[in-house]
Amino acid sequence: MATSPEKNAGAAAAVDAGAAARDGSTGAAAANMEFILDIPLEVTVELGRTKLLIHELLKLGQGSVIELSKLAGETLEILANQKLIARGEAVVINEKFGVRLTEVVSPMERIERLR
């Protein structure tokens, strides 16, 4: 009885998967993924920026207001290890600040920003 090439390819893939499971390479790949998932990242939400002269900085005291570059209600930037990953808006949840994501930067856009 003749078998189709598709059936032979499927059988070969099943044998390869079984061999990988026996020799532990699938487990190693899962362990590598677990290792990557446990790497800590610094996540920052940027409200705005400004530049101050040293003498302006020295004049700051309790109650001083620093004017930032962004307008109230403008989109905030969310950074992971100082790389833009998303944009969002400020929210208050149980008397704590949070950020509602409104846009997640696509992987292609993230790659373009690396150049």
Protein backbone atom coordinates (compact mmCIF):
# COMPACT_ATOMS: atom_id res chain seq x y z
CA MET A 1 0.00 0.00 0.00
CA ALA A 2 1.47 3.39 -1.02
CA THR A 3 1.53 6.35 1.33
CA SER A 4 1.47 10.02 0.39
CA PRO A 5 4.48 12.29 1.01
CA GLU A 6 2.33 14.35 3.41
CA LYS A 7 1.65 11.29 5.59
CA ASN A 8 5.35 10.37 5.56
CA ALA A 9 6.30 13.94 6.56
CA GLY A 10 3.79 13.89 9.40
CA ALA A 11 5.10 10.55 10.64
CA ALA A 12 8.69 11.83 10.47
CA ALA A 13 7.73 14.92 12.45
CA ALA A 14 6.06 12.76 15.09
CA VAL A 15 9.17 10.57 15.34
CA ASP A 16 11.41 13.68 15.59
CA ALA A 17 9.18 15.14 18.34
CA GLY A 18 9.31 11.86 20.22
CA ALA A 19 13.10 11.72 19.93
CA ALA A 20 13.40 15.32 21.14
CA ALA A 21 11.20 14.55 24.14
CA ARG A 22 13.29 11.48 25.00
CA ASP A 23 16.64 13.26 24.79
CA GLY A 24 15.38 16.27 26.76
CA SER A 25 15.83 18.98 24.12
CA THR A 26 12.17 19.98 24.37
CA GLY A 27 12.59 20.29 28.12
CA ALA A 28 15.73 22.36 27.61
CA ALA A 29 13.84 24.74 25.31
CA ALA A 30 11.11 25.11 27.95
CA ALA A 31 13.73 25.74 30.64
CA ASN A 32 15.37 28.39 28.44
CA MET A 33 12.01 30.08 27.98
CA GLU A 34 11.41 30.01 31.74
CA PHE A 35 14.83 31.59 32.25
CA ILE A 36 13.99 34.42 29.83
CA LEU A 37 10.58 35.00 31.40
CA ASP A 38 12.25 35.50 34.81
CA ILE A 39 14.54 38.36 33.68
CA PRO A 40 13.52 41.54 35.51
CA LEU A 41 12.78 44.68 33.49
CA GLU A 42 12.57 48.26 34.68
CA VAL A 43 9.20 49.64 33.60
CA THR A 44 8.83 53.43 33.59
CA VAL A 45 5.83 55.61 32.82
CA GLU A 46 6.95 58.97 31.56
CA LEU A 47 4.68 61.84 32.48
CA GLY A 48 6.85 64.48 30.82
CA ARG A 49 10.29 66.08 30.76
CA THR A 50 11.89 69.43 31.34
CA LYS A 51 15.33 71.00 31.51
CA LEU A 52 16.44 73.10 34.46
CA LEU A 53 19.52 75.17 35.07
CA ILE A 54 21.47 74.29 38.20
CA HIS A 55 20.46 77.51 39.93
CA GLU A 56 16.76 76.76 39.17
CA LEU A 57 17.18 73.27 40.60
CA LEU A 58 18.75 74.66 43.76
CA LYS A 59 15.79 77.01 44.28
CA LEU A 60 13.29 74.12 44.39
CA GLY A 61 11.64 73.45 47.70
CA GLN A 62 8.57 71.80 49.13
CA GLY A 63 5.54 72.99 47.18
CA SER A 64 7.54 74.00 44.08
CA VAL A 65 5.92 73.16 40.76
CA ILE A 66 7.99 71.95 37.82
CA GLU A 67 6.38 72.56 34.44
CA LEU A 68 6.68 69.56 32.12
CA SER A 69 6.77 69.33 28.34
CA LYS A 70 3.47 67.46 28.00
CA LEU A 71 0.00 68.89 28.34
CA ALA A 72 -2.52 67.59 30.90
CA GLY A 73 -4.43 64.66 29.41
CA GLU A 74 -1.75 63.95 26.80
CA THR A 75 -0.73 60.33 26.19
CA LEU A 76 1.90 58.89 28.55
CA GLU A 77 4.79 56.76 27.33
CA ILE A 78 5.50 53.36 28.87
CA LEU A 79 9.13 52.26 28.65
CA ALA A 80 10.74 48.89 29.41
CA ASN A 81 14.48 49.25 30.03
CA GLN A 82 14.26 52.74 28.50
CA LYS A 83 12.68 51.45 25.24
CA LEU A 84 9.17 52.57 24.24
CA ILE A 85 6.74 49.63 24.39
CA ALA A 86 3.33 51.30 24.73
CA ARG A 87 1.35 54.49 25.23
CA GLY A 88 -1.51 55.05 27.63
CA GLU A 89 -3.50 57.33 29.87
CA ALA A 90 -3.30 57.93 33.61
CA VAL A 91 -6.03 56.40 35.78
CA VAL A 92 -6.67 56.21 39.52
CA ILE A 93 -7.49 52.81 41.00
CA ASN A 94 -8.15 52.48 44.75
CA GLU A 95 -6.35 55.78 45.41
CA LYS A 96 -3.26 54.65 43.45
CA PHE A 97 -2.12 55.80 40.04
CA GLY A 98 -2.12 53.38 37.13
CA VAL A 99 -1.90 53.47 33.36
CA ARG A 100 -4.51 52.20 30.90
CA LEU A 101 -2.74 51.08 27.73
CA THR A 102 -4.21 52.71 24.64
CA GLU A 103 -1.57 51.59 22.13
CA VAL A 104 1.05 48.86 22.20
CA VAL A 105 4.05 49.50 19.98
CA SER A 106 4.32 46.84 17.28
CA PRO A 107 7.42 44.63 17.17
CA MET A 108 8.34 46.15 13.79
CA GLU A 109 8.19 49.69 15.22
CA ARG A 110 10.35 48.60 18.17
CA ILE A 111 12.94 47.18 15.78
CA GLU A 112 12.91 50.40 13.73
CA ARG A 113 13.58 52.46 16.88
CA LEU A 114 16.73 50.40 17.56
CA ARG A 115 18.37 51.71 14.37
